[in-house]
Amino acid sequence: DQPAPPPRMHDPDRVALGIAQRKWLFGEFEQSTAAWRILAGPFVFGSTWKPGLPDAARLPLIKTKLIAANGLGPGREQWDGYPAERYLIMRKMRDHKLHNFVVLSGDSHVSLAQILRMDPLNPVSRAVTVECANGSVTAQNLDDRMKWPPRTQSIQHEQELLRFFPEMKYVDLDSHGYNIVDVTPECVQVEWWNVETVLRRSEKEWRGAVLQIPSGTPALLPVS
């Protein structure tokens, strides 16, 4: 017998979590009475693809593998590639009696913060939660892959991403570093800390951005 073909991208059978793990996750959501529910994962949860993507935004998304390698569709290995299961998770967040969800993601080699809507292609669709993705520690970022100096040519691509994706509130395509996440009943604060070099012990580090998510509202507010 021939093996069954892999499920199409929008097929409900195409899942990242699997039924058992998703059932466990939903059970934890339902039982939670905490001030916040934080979902951590190894790849970007929100959408980084939509039709009409301009070339200046397409290039960094291809190079960081956030969309398809040909640049003509979503990346199958991000959550964009599992839209049916992502919708179920988003619906569970939307319907939770206490709300207050935050998604933390990594392994994308991009520092990113964005608002997540029920329909990622509809800018007036209901905002459900926010996502904060940490940059890489040592893996190659856009400047490394393109062989240009950090914080030079990448900036124009960041500006185009922010223009084309209004849900994105912060993006840094070059910097290496780490995040600090502070959680209080009133808000979640996420700090992006960048380091000068990954080739030796860095003597210089600085905050690239600080954003707060206030309780009761899926928003990303800059902190000076």
N, C-alpha and C. Protein backbone atom coordinates (compact mmCIF):
# COMPACT_ATOMS: atom_id res chain seq x y z
N ASP A 1 0.83 -1.20 0.00
CA ASP A 1 0.00 0.00 0.00
C ASP A 1 0.87 1.25 0.00
N GLN A 2 0.38 2.27 -0.71
CA GLN A 2 1.08 3.54 -0.72
C GLN A 2 0.78 4.30 0.57
N PRO A 3 1.79 4.97 1.15
CA PRO A 3 1.53 5.77 2.36
C PRO A 3 0.57 6.91 2.06
N ALA A 4 -0.24 7.26 3.05
CA ALA A 4 -1.19 8.35 2.87
C ALA A 4 -0.45 9.66 2.70
N PRO A 5 -0.92 10.53 1.82
CA PRO A 5 -0.26 11.82 1.64
C PRO A 5 -0.39 12.67 2.90
N PRO A 6 0.56 13.55 3.14
CA PRO A 6 0.45 14.41 4.33
C PRO A 6 -0.78 15.31 4.22
N PRO A 7 -1.42 15.62 5.37
CA PRO A 7 -2.62 16.46 5.32
C PRO A 7 -2.32 17.85 4.79
N ARG A 8 -3.28 18.42 4.07
CA ARG A 8 -3.13 19.78 3.57
C ARG A 8 -3.09 20.76 4.74
N MET A 9 -2.57 21.95 4.46
CA MET A 9 -2.28 22.89 5.53
C MET A 9 -3.52 23.21 6.37
N HIS A 10 -4.67 23.35 5.75
CA HIS A 10 -5.89 23.72 6.49
C HIS A 10 -6.68 22.51 6.97
N ASP A 11 -6.15 21.32 6.79
CA ASP A 11 -6.84 20.11 7.23
C ASP A 11 -6.81 20.05 8.76
N PRO A 12 -7.95 19.80 9.42
CA PRO A 12 -7.96 19.66 10.88
C PRO A 12 -7.05 18.57 11.40
N ASP A 13 -6.71 17.59 10.54
CA ASP A 13 -5.82 16.51 10.96
C ASP A 13 -4.35 16.93 10.99
N ARG A 14 -4.04 18.10 10.43
CA ARG A 14 -2.66 18.59 10.49
C ARG A 14 -2.48 19.34 11.81
N VAL A 15 -1.74 18.75 12.73
CA VAL A 15 -1.63 19.31 14.07
C VAL A 15 -0.18 19.39 14.50
N ALA A 16 0.11 20.39 15.31
CA ALA A 16 1.44 20.55 15.90
C ALA A 16 1.51 19.93 17.28
N LEU A 17 0.42 20.07 18.05
CA LEU A 17 0.40 19.55 19.42
C LEU A 17 0.05 18.07 19.47
N GLY A 18 -0.87 17.65 18.63
CA GLY A 18 -1.44 16.31 18.75
C GLY A 18 -2.64 16.35 19.68
N ILE A 19 -3.54 15.40 19.52
CA ILE A 19 -4.80 15.42 20.25
C ILE A 19 -4.57 15.32 21.76
N ALA A 20 -3.69 14.41 22.19
CA ALA A 20 -3.49 14.20 23.63
C ALA A 20 -2.93 15.45 24.30
N GLN A 21 -1.92 16.05 23.67
CA GLN A 21 -1.31 17.23 24.27
C GLN A 21 -2.27 18.42 24.25
N ARG A 22 -3.04 18.54 23.18
CA ARG A 22 -4.01 19.64 23.10
C ARG A 22 -5.10 19.47 24.15
N LYS A 23 -5.54 18.24 24.36
CA LYS A 23 -6.55 17.98 25.39
C LYS A 23 -6.01 18.37 26.76
N TRP A 24 -4.75 18.02 27.03
CA TRP A 24 -4.14 18.41 28.31
C TRP A 24 -4.08 19.93 28.44
N LEU A 25 -3.64 20.60 27.38
CA LEU A 25 -3.52 22.06 27.41
C LEU A 25 -4.86 22.72 27.67
N PHE A 26 -5.89 22.28 26.98
CA PHE A 26 -7.22 22.87 27.16
C PHE A 26 -7.73 22.62 28.58
N GLY A 27 -7.42 21.45 29.11
CA GLY A 27 -7.81 21.18 30.49
C GLY A 27 -7.12 22.12 31.47
N GLU A 28 -5.85 22.40 31.23
CA GLU A 28 -5.13 23.35 32.08
C GLU A 28 -5.72 24.75 31.96
N PHE A 29 -6.08 25.15 30.75
CA PHE A 29 -6.73 26.45 30.56
C PHE A 29 -8.01 26.53 31.38
N GLU A 30 -8.83 25.49 31.28
CA GLU A 30 -10.15 25.51 31.93
C GLU A 30 -10.03 25.54 33.45
N GLN A 31 -9.03 24.88 33.99
CA GLN A 31 -8.88 24.82 35.44
C GLN A 31 -8.16 26.03 36.02
N SER A 32 -7.51 26.80 35.18
CA SER A 32 -6.66 27.88 35.67
C SER A 32 -7.48 29.01 36.27
N THR A 33 -7.07 29.44 37.47
CA THR A 33 -7.65 30.63 38.10
C THR A 33 -6.57 31.68 38.34
N ALA A 34 -5.43 31.52 37.69
CA ALA A 34 -4.31 32.45 37.87
C ALA A 34 -4.63 33.79 37.22
N ALA A 35 -3.87 34.80 37.62
CA ALA A 35 -4.04 36.12 37.01
C ALA A 35 -3.68 36.09 35.53
N TRP A 36 -2.72 35.23 35.15
CA TRP A 36 -2.26 35.13 33.77
C TRP A 36 -2.09 33.68 33.37
N ARG A 37 -2.29 33.40 32.07
CA ARG A 37 -1.97 32.12 31.48
C ARG A 37 -0.93 32.38 30.39
N ILE A 38 0.25 31.79 30.53
CA ILE A 38 1.36 32.04 29.62
C ILE A 38 1.64 30.76 28.84
N LEU A 39 1.53 30.88 27.51
CA LEU A 39 1.75 29.75 26.62
C LEU A 39 3.12 29.93 25.96
N ALA A 40 4.04 29.03 26.24
CA ALA A 40 5.39 29.11 25.66
C ALA A 40 5.56 28.05 24.59
N GLY A 41 6.21 28.40 23.50
CA GLY A 41 6.39 27.45 22.42
C GLY A 41 7.65 27.70 21.64
N PRO A 42 8.04 26.74 20.79
CA PRO A 42 9.32 26.81 20.10
C PRO A 42 9.29 27.50 18.74
N PHE A 43 8.11 27.97 18.29
CA PHE A 43 8.09 28.73 17.05
C PHE A 43 6.96 29.75 17.08
N VAL A 44 7.03 30.71 16.15
CA VAL A 44 6.13 31.86 16.17
C VAL A 44 4.68 31.40 16.04
N PHE A 45 3.84 31.92 16.94
CA PHE A 45 2.43 31.53 16.98
C PHE A 45 1.57 32.37 16.04
N GLY A 46 1.82 33.67 16.00
CA GLY A 46 1.04 34.56 15.16
C GLY A 46 1.41 34.46 13.69
N SER A 47 0.63 35.13 12.87
CA SER A 47 0.84 35.05 11.44
C SER A 47 1.94 36.00 10.97
N THR A 48 2.80 35.51 10.09
CA THR A 48 3.82 36.35 9.46
C THR A 48 3.66 36.33 7.94
N TRP A 49 2.47 35.98 7.50
CA TRP A 49 2.20 35.94 6.06
C TRP A 49 0.82 36.51 5.78
N LYS A 50 0.70 37.29 4.72
CA LYS A 50 -0.58 37.64 4.13
C LYS A 50 -0.35 38.07 2.69
N PRO A 51 -1.39 37.99 1.85
CA PRO A 51 -1.21 38.33 0.44
C PRO A 51 -0.76 39.78 0.26
N GLY A 52 -0.04 40.00 -0.82
CA GLY A 52 0.42 41.35 -1.13
C GLY A 52 1.71 41.73 -0.45
N LEU A 53 2.41 40.77 0.11
CA LEU A 53 3.63 41.03 0.85
C LEU A 53 4.66 41.73 -0.05
N PRO A 54 5.11 42.93 0.31
CA PRO A 54 6.11 43.62 -0.50
C PRO A 54 7.47 42.97 -0.38
N ASP A 55 8.30 43.19 -1.39
CA ASP A 55 9.61 42.54 -1.43
C ASP A 55 10.46 42.87 -0.21
N ALA A 56 10.40 44.11 0.26
CA ALA A 56 11.23 44.51 1.40
C ALA A 56 10.84 43.79 2.68
N ALA A 57 9.59 43.36 2.77
CA ALA A 57 9.14 42.57 3.91
C ALA A 57 9.33 41.07 3.65
N ARG A 58 9.26 40.69 2.40
CA ARG A 58 9.38 39.27 2.04
C ARG A 58 10.78 38.73 2.31
N LEU A 59 11.81 39.52 1.97
CA LEU A 59 13.19 39.04 2.11
C LEU A 59 13.52 38.57 3.52
N PRO A 60 13.32 39.39 4.56
CA PRO A 60 13.70 38.92 5.89
C PRO A 60 12.87 37.73 6.37
N LEU A 61 11.62 37.63 5.93
CA LEU A 61 10.78 36.51 6.34
C LEU A 61 11.24 35.20 5.69
N ILE A 62 11.74 35.28 4.45
CA ILE A 62 12.31 34.10 3.81
C ILE A 62 13.60 33.69 4.51
N LYS A 63 14.46 34.67 4.75
CA LYS A 63 15.78 34.37 5.32
C LYS A 63 15.69 33.82 6.74
N THR A 64 14.66 34.23 7.47
CA THR A 64 14.49 33.72 8.84
C THR A 64 13.48 32.56 8.89
N LYS A 65 13.06 32.08 7.72
CA LYS A 65 12.20 30.90 7.59
C LYS A 65 10.83 31.09 8.25
N LEU A 66 10.34 32.32 8.23
CA LEU A 66 9.02 32.60 8.79
C LEU A 66 7.92 32.50 7.74
N ILE A 67 8.30 32.37 6.47
CA ILE A 67 7.34 32.07 5.40
C ILE A 67 7.96 31.00 4.51
N ALA A 68 7.22 30.57 3.51
CA ALA A 68 7.72 29.53 2.61
C ALA A 68 9.02 29.97 1.93
N ALA A 69 9.85 29.02 1.60
CA ALA A 69 11.16 29.32 1.02
C ALA A 69 11.05 30.07 -0.30
N ASN A 70 9.94 29.86 -1.04
CA ASN A 70 9.76 30.59 -2.30
C ASN A 70 9.11 31.95 -2.09
N GLY A 71 8.74 32.27 -0.85
CA GLY A 71 8.16 33.58 -0.56
C GLY A 71 6.73 33.75 -0.99
N LEU A 72 6.07 32.66 -1.40
CA LEU A 72 4.73 32.78 -1.98
C LEU A 72 3.62 32.28 -1.07
N GLY A 73 3.95 31.96 0.16
CA GLY A 73 2.93 31.47 1.08
C GLY A 73 3.47 31.35 2.49
N PRO A 74 2.64 30.95 3.42
CA PRO A 74 3.07 30.83 4.81
C PRO A 74 4.05 29.68 5.00
N GLY A 75 4.84 29.78 6.07
CA GLY A 75 5.76 28.71 6.39
C GLY A 75 5.03 27.55 7.04
N ARG A 76 5.25 26.35 6.56
CA ARG A 76 4.53 25.18 7.07
C ARG A 76 5.00 24.78 8.46
N GLU A 77 6.20 25.18 8.84
CA GLU A 77 6.73 24.74 10.13
C GLU A 77 6.53 25.77 11.24
N GLN A 78 5.94 26.93 10.93
CA GLN A 78 5.48 27.85 11.95
C GLN A 78 4.00 27.55 12.22
N TRP A 79 3.40 28.26 13.18
CA TRP A 79 1.98 28.04 13.43
C TRP A 79 1.11 28.45 12.26
N ASP A 80 1.64 29.29 11.37
CA ASP A 80 0.92 29.58 10.13
C ASP A 80 0.63 28.30 9.35
N GLY A 81 1.45 27.28 9.55
CA GLY A 81 1.27 26.03 8.85
C GLY A 81 0.27 25.10 9.51
N TYR A 82 -0.29 25.51 10.65
CA TYR A 82 -1.28 24.70 11.37
C TYR A 82 -2.49 25.57 11.71
N PRO A 83 -3.12 26.20 10.72
CA PRO A 83 -4.16 27.19 11.01
C PRO A 83 -5.39 26.61 11.71
N ALA A 84 -5.75 25.36 11.42
CA ALA A 84 -6.95 24.78 12.06
C ALA A 84 -6.72 24.60 13.56
N GLU A 85 -5.59 24.04 13.93
CA GLU A 85 -5.32 23.84 15.36
C GLU A 85 -5.07 25.18 16.05
N ARG A 86 -4.40 26.10 15.39
CA ARG A 86 -4.19 27.43 15.98
C ARG A 86 -5.53 28.10 16.26
N TYR A 87 -6.49 27.96 15.35
CA TYR A 87 -7.80 28.55 15.58
C TYR A 87 -8.46 27.97 16.83
N LEU A 88 -8.33 26.68 17.03
CA LEU A 88 -8.92 26.06 18.22
C LEU A 88 -8.29 26.62 19.50
N ILE A 89 -6.98 26.82 19.47
CA ILE A 89 -6.30 27.37 20.65
C ILE A 89 -6.74 28.82 20.88
N MET A 90 -6.80 29.59 19.81
CA MET A 90 -7.21 30.99 19.92
C MET A 90 -8.64 31.09 20.43
N ARG A 91 -9.51 30.21 19.96
CA ARG A 91 -10.90 30.23 20.41
C ARG A 91 -10.99 29.91 21.90
N LYS A 92 -10.16 28.98 22.35
CA LYS A 92 -10.14 28.63 23.76
C LYS A 92 -9.68 29.83 24.59
N MET A 93 -8.69 30.56 24.11
CA MET A 93 -8.23 31.77 24.79
C MET A 93 -9.33 32.83 24.80
N ARG A 94 -9.97 33.03 23.67
CA ARG A 94 -11.02 34.05 23.55
C ARG A 94 -12.15 33.80 24.53
N ASP A 95 -12.51 32.52 24.71
CA ASP A 95 -13.69 32.19 25.51
C ASP A 95 -13.39 31.99 26.99
N HIS A 96 -12.14 32.08 27.39
CA HIS A 96 -11.80 31.86 28.80
C HIS A 96 -12.39 32.98 29.66
N LYS A 97 -12.96 32.63 30.79
CA LYS A 97 -13.67 33.62 31.61
C LYS A 97 -12.75 34.68 32.18
N LEU A 98 -11.45 34.38 32.34
CA LEU A 98 -10.52 35.34 32.93
C LEU A 98 -9.63 36.02 31.89
N HIS A 99 -9.64 35.54 30.66
CA HIS A 99 -8.81 36.10 29.59
C HIS A 99 -7.34 36.14 30.05
N ASN A 100 -6.62 37.22 29.78
CA ASN A 100 -5.23 37.40 30.23
C ASN A 100 -4.32 36.25 29.81
N PHE A 101 -4.10 36.15 28.50
CA PHE A 101 -3.15 35.19 27.94
C PHE A 101 -1.97 35.95 27.34
N VAL A 102 -0.80 35.34 27.40
CA VAL A 102 0.39 35.85 26.73
C VAL A 102 1.09 34.66 26.09
N VAL A 103 1.52 34.84 24.86
CA VAL A 103 2.28 33.80 24.15
C VAL A 103 3.74 34.22 24.11
N LEU A 104 4.63 33.35 24.56
CA LEU A 104 6.08 33.55 24.48
C LEU A 104 6.65 32.52 23.52
N SER A 105 7.38 32.97 22.52
CA SER A 105 7.91 32.03 21.53
C SER A 105 9.38 32.30 21.28
N GLY A 106 10.02 31.33 20.66
CA GLY A 106 11.44 31.45 20.38
C GLY A 106 11.83 30.71 19.12
N ASP A 107 13.13 30.55 18.96
CA ASP A 107 13.71 29.80 17.84
C ASP A 107 13.33 30.37 16.48
N SER A 108 13.09 31.68 16.42
CA SER A 108 12.77 32.29 15.13
C SER A 108 13.88 33.22 14.66
N HIS A 109 14.85 33.49 15.52
CA HIS A 109 15.99 34.35 15.19
C HIS A 109 15.54 35.78 14.88
N VAL A 110 14.40 36.16 15.43
CA VAL A 110 13.85 37.51 15.26
C VAL A 110 13.26 37.96 16.60
N SER A 111 13.60 39.15 17.04
CA SER A 111 12.92 39.73 18.20
C SER A 111 11.63 40.35 17.69
N LEU A 112 10.50 39.96 18.29
CA LEU A 112 9.21 40.30 17.71
C LEU A 112 8.16 40.41 18.79
N ALA A 113 7.28 41.40 18.64
CA ALA A 113 6.10 41.51 19.49
C ALA A 113 4.92 41.85 18.61
N GLN A 114 3.81 41.13 18.78
CA GLN A 114 2.64 41.38 17.94
C GLN A 114 1.36 41.02 18.66
N ILE A 115 0.28 41.69 18.25
CA ILE A 115 -1.06 41.40 18.74
C ILE A 115 -1.64 40.28 17.89
N LEU A 116 -2.29 39.32 18.52
CA LEU A 116 -2.85 38.17 17.82
C LEU A 116 -4.37 38.29 17.76
N ARG A 117 -4.92 38.23 16.54
CA ARG A 117 -6.35 38.34 16.31
C ARG A 117 -6.93 37.00 15.89
N MET A 118 -8.24 36.83 16.11
CA MET A 118 -8.90 35.59 15.74
C MET A 118 -8.70 35.29 14.26
N ASP A 119 -8.84 36.30 13.43
CA ASP A 119 -8.59 36.16 11.99
C ASP A 119 -7.36 37.00 11.65
N PRO A 120 -6.20 36.37 11.46
CA PRO A 120 -4.98 37.15 11.24
C PRO A 120 -4.98 37.96 9.96
N LEU A 121 -5.89 37.65 9.03
CA LEU A 121 -5.95 38.41 7.78
C LEU A 121 -6.94 39.57 7.84
N ASN A 122 -7.62 39.71 8.97
CA ASN A 122 -8.62 40.77 9.12
C ASN A 122 -8.15 41.74 10.21
N PRO A 123 -7.73 42.95 9.84
CA PRO A 123 -7.17 43.89 10.83
C PRO A 123 -8.17 44.38 11.86
N VAL A 124 -9.47 44.17 11.64
CA VAL A 124 -10.47 44.58 12.64
C VAL A 124 -11.05 43.37 13.38
N SER A 125 -10.50 42.18 13.12
CA SER A 125 -10.92 41.00 13.87
C SER A 125 -10.54 41.17 15.33
N ARG A 126 -11.25 40.48 16.20
CA ARG A 126 -11.06 40.64 17.64
C ARG A 126 -9.64 40.27 18.07
N ALA A 127 -8.98 41.14 18.82
CA ALA A 127 -7.68 40.85 19.41
C ALA A 127 -7.89 39.95 20.63
N VAL A 128 -7.15 38.83 20.68
CA VAL A 128 -7.34 37.84 21.73
C VAL A 128 -6.18 37.84 22.72
N THR A 129 -4.97 37.93 22.21
CA THR A 129 -3.80 37.86 23.08
C THR A 129 -2.63 38.55 22.37
N VAL A 130 -1.46 38.49 22.96
CA VAL A 130 -0.26 39.07 22.35
C VAL A 130 0.84 38.02 22.37
N GLU A 131 1.81 38.23 21.50
CA GLU A 131 2.96 37.33 21.42
C GLU A 131 4.25 38.12 21.51
N CYS A 132 5.19 37.60 22.28
CA CYS A 132 6.53 38.17 22.37
C CYS A 132 7.52 37.06 22.05
N ALA A 133 8.33 37.29 21.02
CA ALA A 133 9.33 36.30 20.59
C ALA A 133 10.72 36.84 20.88
N ASN A 134 11.55 35.99 21.49
CA ASN A 134 12.90 36.43 21.79
C ASN A 134 13.82 36.22 20.60
N GLY A 135 14.84 37.05 20.50
CA GLY A 135 15.83 36.91 19.44
C GLY A 135 16.75 35.73 19.70
N SER A 136 17.65 35.49 18.77
CA SER A 136 18.55 34.35 18.91
C SER A 136 19.65 34.63 19.92
N VAL A 137 20.18 33.57 20.49
CA VAL A 137 21.35 33.70 21.36
C VAL A 137 22.62 33.74 20.51
N THR A 138 22.83 32.72 19.69
CA THR A 138 24.03 32.68 18.85
C THR A 138 23.73 32.38 17.38
N ALA A 139 22.52 31.90 17.06
CA ALA A 139 22.20 31.53 15.68
C ALA A 139 22.17 32.77 14.78
N GLN A 140 22.34 32.54 13.50
CA GLN A 140 22.43 33.64 12.54
C GLN A 140 21.10 34.38 12.42
N ASN A 141 21.20 35.71 12.46
CA ASN A 141 20.06 36.59 12.21
C ASN A 141 20.15 37.10 10.78
N LEU A 142 19.30 38.07 10.43
CA LEU A 142 19.28 38.56 9.05
C LEU A 142 20.62 39.15 8.63
N ASP A 143 21.22 40.00 9.46
CA ASP A 143 22.49 40.61 9.08
C ASP A 143 23.57 39.56 8.87
N ASP A 144 23.59 38.52 9.70
CA ASP A 144 24.58 37.46 9.53
C ASP A 144 24.37 36.72 8.21
N ARG A 145 23.12 36.45 7.91
CA ARG A 145 22.82 35.69 6.69
C ARG A 145 23.10 36.52 5.43
N MET A 146 22.86 37.83 5.52
CA MET A 146 23.02 38.69 4.36
C MET A 146 24.44 39.28 4.25
N LYS A 147 25.27 39.06 5.28
CA LYS A 147 26.66 39.53 5.27
C LYS A 147 26.76 41.05 5.22
N TRP A 148 25.83 41.72 5.92
CA TRP A 148 25.96 43.17 6.03
C TRP A 148 26.08 43.56 7.50
N PRO A 149 26.60 44.75 7.81
CA PRO A 149 26.83 45.12 9.21
C PRO A 149 25.52 45.18 9.99
N PRO A 150 25.55 44.83 11.28
CA PRO A 150 24.33 44.87 12.09
C PRO A 150 23.78 46.28 12.22
N ARG A 151 22.45 46.35 12.29
CA ARG A 151 21.71 47.60 12.47
C ARG A 151 22.02 48.61 11.36
N THR A 152 22.12 48.11 10.12
CA THR A 152 22.30 48.99 8.96
C THR A 152 21.16 48.72 7.98
N GLN A 153 21.38 47.83 7.02
CA GLN A 153 20.38 47.60 5.98
C GLN A 153 19.13 46.89 6.51
N SER A 154 19.26 46.20 7.61
CA SER A 154 18.08 45.51 8.15
C SER A 154 16.99 46.47 8.59
N ILE A 155 17.37 47.69 8.96
CA ILE A 155 16.40 48.63 9.51
C ILE A 155 15.28 48.94 8.52
N GLN A 156 15.61 49.09 7.25
CA GLN A 156 14.57 49.39 6.26
C GLN A 156 13.59 48.22 6.12
N HIS A 157 14.08 47.01 6.30
CA HIS A 157 13.19 45.85 6.24
C HIS A 157 12.30 45.77 7.47
N GLU A 158 12.83 46.14 8.63
CA GLU A 158 12.02 46.20 9.84
C GLU A 158 10.90 47.22 9.68
N GLN A 159 11.22 48.37 9.13
CA GLN A 159 10.21 49.42 8.95
C GLN A 159 9.11 48.96 8.01
N GLU A 160 9.48 48.20 6.98
CA GLU A 160 8.47 47.71 6.04
C GLU A 160 7.59 46.65 6.69
N LEU A 161 8.17 45.80 7.53
CA LEU A 161 7.37 44.82 8.26
C LEU A 161 6.36 45.50 9.18
N LEU A 162 6.80 46.52 9.90
CA LEU A 162 5.91 47.24 10.81
C LEU A 162 4.80 47.96 10.04
N ARG A 163 5.12 48.43 8.84
CA ARG A 163 4.12 49.11 8.03
C ARG A 163 3.09 48.13 7.49
N PHE A 164 3.56 46.98 7.01
CA PHE A 164 2.67 46.03 6.35
C PHE A 164 1.88 45.19 7.34
N PHE A 165 2.46 44.96 8.52
CA PHE A 165 1.78 44.19 9.57
C PHE A 165 1.49 45.13 10.74
N PRO A 166 0.36 45.81 10.74
CA PRO A 166 0.07 46.76 11.83
C PRO A 166 -0.03 46.08 13.20
N GLU A 167 -0.24 44.76 13.22
CA GLU A 167 -0.29 44.05 14.49
C GLU A 167 1.09 43.97 15.16
N MET A 168 2.15 44.08 14.35
CA MET A 168 3.49 44.06 14.90
C MET A 168 3.81 45.40 15.54
N LYS A 169 4.26 45.35 16.78
CA LYS A 169 4.59 46.57 17.51
C LYS A 169 6.09 46.71 17.75
N TYR A 170 6.84 45.64 17.52
CA TYR A 170 8.29 45.69 17.68
C TYR A 170 8.91 44.58 16.86
N VAL A 171 10.00 44.89 16.17
CA VAL A 171 10.75 43.87 15.44
C VAL A 171 12.20 44.30 15.34
N ASP A 172 13.10 43.37 15.60
CA ASP A 172 14.54 43.57 15.47
C ASP A 172 15.08 42.33 14.78
N LEU A 173 15.61 42.52 13.57
CA LEU A 173 16.05 41.40 12.75
C LEU A 173 17.49 41.00 12.96
N ASP A 174 18.24 41.77 13.75
CA ASP A 174 19.68 41.57 13.85
C ASP A 174 20.19 41.12 15.21
N SER A 175 19.60 41.63 16.27
CA SER A 175 20.24 41.56 17.58
C SER A 175 20.17 40.18 18.22
N HIS A 176 21.26 39.82 18.90
CA HIS A 176 21.32 38.62 19.73
C HIS A 176 21.09 39.02 21.18
N GLY A 177 20.55 38.10 21.97
CA GLY A 177 20.36 38.44 23.37
C GLY A 177 19.34 37.54 24.04
N TYR A 178 18.59 38.13 24.96
CA TYR A 178 17.67 37.36 25.78
C TYR A 178 16.53 38.26 26.24
N ASN A 179 15.50 37.65 26.78
CA ASN A 179 14.34 38.37 27.30
C ASN A 179 14.25 38.23 28.81
N ILE A 180 13.74 39.25 29.45
CA ILE A 180 13.35 39.19 30.86
C ILE A 180 11.85 39.43 30.91
N VAL A 181 11.12 38.51 31.56
CA VAL A 181 9.67 38.61 31.64
C VAL A 181 9.28 38.73 33.12
N ASP A 182 8.65 39.85 33.46
CA ASP A 182 8.15 40.08 34.83
C ASP A 182 6.63 39.97 34.81
N VAL A 183 6.09 39.18 35.73
CA VAL A 183 4.65 38.95 35.79
C VAL A 183 4.12 39.43 37.14
N THR A 184 3.16 40.33 37.10
CA THR A 184 2.44 40.77 38.29
C THR A 184 0.95 40.66 38.00
N PRO A 185 0.09 40.75 39.00
CA PRO A 185 -1.35 40.70 38.72
C PRO A 185 -1.81 41.81 37.79
N GLU A 186 -1.10 42.94 37.80
CA GLU A 186 -1.53 44.09 37.01
C GLU A 186 -1.07 44.03 35.56
N CYS A 187 0.09 43.42 35.29
CA CYS A 187 0.61 43.42 33.93
C CYS A 187 1.72 42.39 33.77
N VAL A 188 2.03 42.09 32.51
CA VAL A 188 3.23 41.33 32.16
C VAL A 188 4.15 42.29 31.43
N GLN A 189 5.39 42.38 31.87
CA GLN A 189 6.37 43.26 31.21
C GLN A 189 7.46 42.39 30.60
N VAL A 190 7.75 42.66 29.32
CA VAL A 190 8.76 41.90 28.59
C VAL A 190 9.86 42.87 28.15
N GLU A 191 11.10 42.51 28.47
CA GLU A 191 12.26 43.30 28.08
C GLU A 191 13.13 42.49 27.11
N TRP A 192 13.55 43.13 26.04
CA TRP A 192 14.49 42.53 25.10
C TRP A 192 15.88 43.11 25.39
N TRP A 193 16.80 42.27 25.83
CA TRP A 193 18.17 42.68 26.12
C TRP A 193 19.09 42.16 25.03
N ASN A 194 19.90 43.07 24.49
CA ASN A 194 20.82 42.74 23.40
C ASN A 194 22.26 42.75 23.89
N VAL A 195 23.08 41.90 23.27
CA VAL A 195 24.50 41.84 23.62
C VAL A 195 25.35 42.28 22.44
N GLU A 196 26.55 42.75 22.75
CA GLU A 196 27.41 43.33 21.73
C GLU A 196 27.97 42.28 20.78
N THR A 197 28.33 41.12 21.29
CA THR A 197 28.93 40.08 20.46
C THR A 197 28.61 38.71 21.05
N VAL A 198 28.61 37.70 20.19
CA VAL A 198 28.44 36.32 20.66
C VAL A 198 29.72 35.52 20.46
N LEU A 199 30.78 36.19 20.01
CA LEU A 199 32.04 35.51 19.75
C LEU A 199 32.91 35.39 21.00
N ARG A 200 32.61 36.18 22.01
CA ARG A 200 33.34 36.14 23.28
C ARG A 200 32.41 36.70 24.35
N ARG A 201 32.84 36.68 25.59
CA ARG A 201 32.03 37.24 26.66
C ARG A 201 31.76 38.72 26.38
N SER A 202 30.49 39.07 26.28
CA SER A 202 30.14 40.43 25.90
C SER A 202 30.26 41.37 27.10
N GLU A 203 30.94 42.49 26.89
CA GLU A 203 31.10 43.47 27.95
C GLU A 203 30.04 44.56 27.91
N LYS A 204 29.21 44.53 26.87
CA LYS A 204 28.19 45.57 26.72
C LYS A 204 26.86 44.92 26.38
N GLU A 205 25.82 45.34 27.06
CA GLU A 205 24.46 44.91 26.73
C GLU A 205 23.51 46.07 26.98
N TRP A 206 22.38 46.06 26.30
CA TRP A 206 21.44 47.16 26.40
C TRP A 206 20.03 46.65 26.12
N ARG A 207 19.05 47.40 26.60
CA ARG A 207 17.66 47.04 26.35
C ARG A 207 17.24 47.54 24.98
N GLY A 208 16.76 46.62 24.16
CA GLY A 208 16.28 47.02 22.85
C GLY A 208 14.86 47.56 22.90
N ALA A 209 14.06 47.01 23.82
CA ALA A 209 12.67 47.45 23.95
C ALA A 209 12.11 46.93 25.27
N VAL A 210 11.10 47.64 25.76
CA VAL A 210 10.34 47.19 26.93
C VAL A 210 8.87 47.41 26.61
N LEU A 211 8.07 46.35 26.71
CA LEU A 211 6.64 46.44 26.43
C LEU A 211 5.86 45.82 27.58
N GLN A 212 4.71 46.42 27.88
CA GLN A 212 3.84 45.91 28.92
C GLN A 212 2.52 45.46 28.31
N ILE A 213 1.99 44.36 28.87
CA ILE A 213 0.66 43.88 28.52
C ILE A 213 -0.21 44.09 29.76
N PRO A 214 -1.13 45.05 29.73
CA PRO A 214 -1.95 45.31 30.92
C PRO A 214 -3.02 44.24 31.11
N SER A 215 -3.36 43.99 32.36
CA SER A 215 -4.41 43.03 32.66
C SER A 215 -5.73 43.47 32.03
N GLY A 216 -6.40 42.53 31.40
CA GLY A 216 -7.72 42.81 30.85
C GLY A 216 -7.75 43.30 29.43
N THR A 217 -6.57 43.59 28.85
CA THR A 217 -6.53 44.12 27.50
C THR A 217 -5.37 43.51 26.72
N PRO A 218 -5.62 42.87 25.57
CA PRO A 218 -4.53 42.32 24.77
C PRO A 218 -3.83 43.43 23.98
N ALA A 219 -3.00 44.20 24.68
CA ALA A 219 -2.31 45.33 24.09
C ALA A 219 -0.83 45.28 24.43
N LEU A 220 -0.02 45.95 23.64
CA LEU A 220 1.42 46.04 23.86
C LEU A 220 1.75 47.52 24.01
N LEU A 221 2.09 47.92 25.22
CA LEU A 221 2.33 49.33 25.50
C LEU A 221 3.82 49.57 25.74
N PRO A 222 4.43 50.49 24.98
CA PRO A 222 5.86 50.75 25.17
C PRO A 222 6.13 51.42 26.52
N VAL A 223 7.26 51.07 27.12
CA VAL A 223 7.69 51.65 28.38
C VAL A 223 8.99 52.39 28.12
N SER A 224 9.02 53.65 28.47
CA SER A 224 10.23 54.46 28.23
C SER A 224 11.29 54.12 29.24
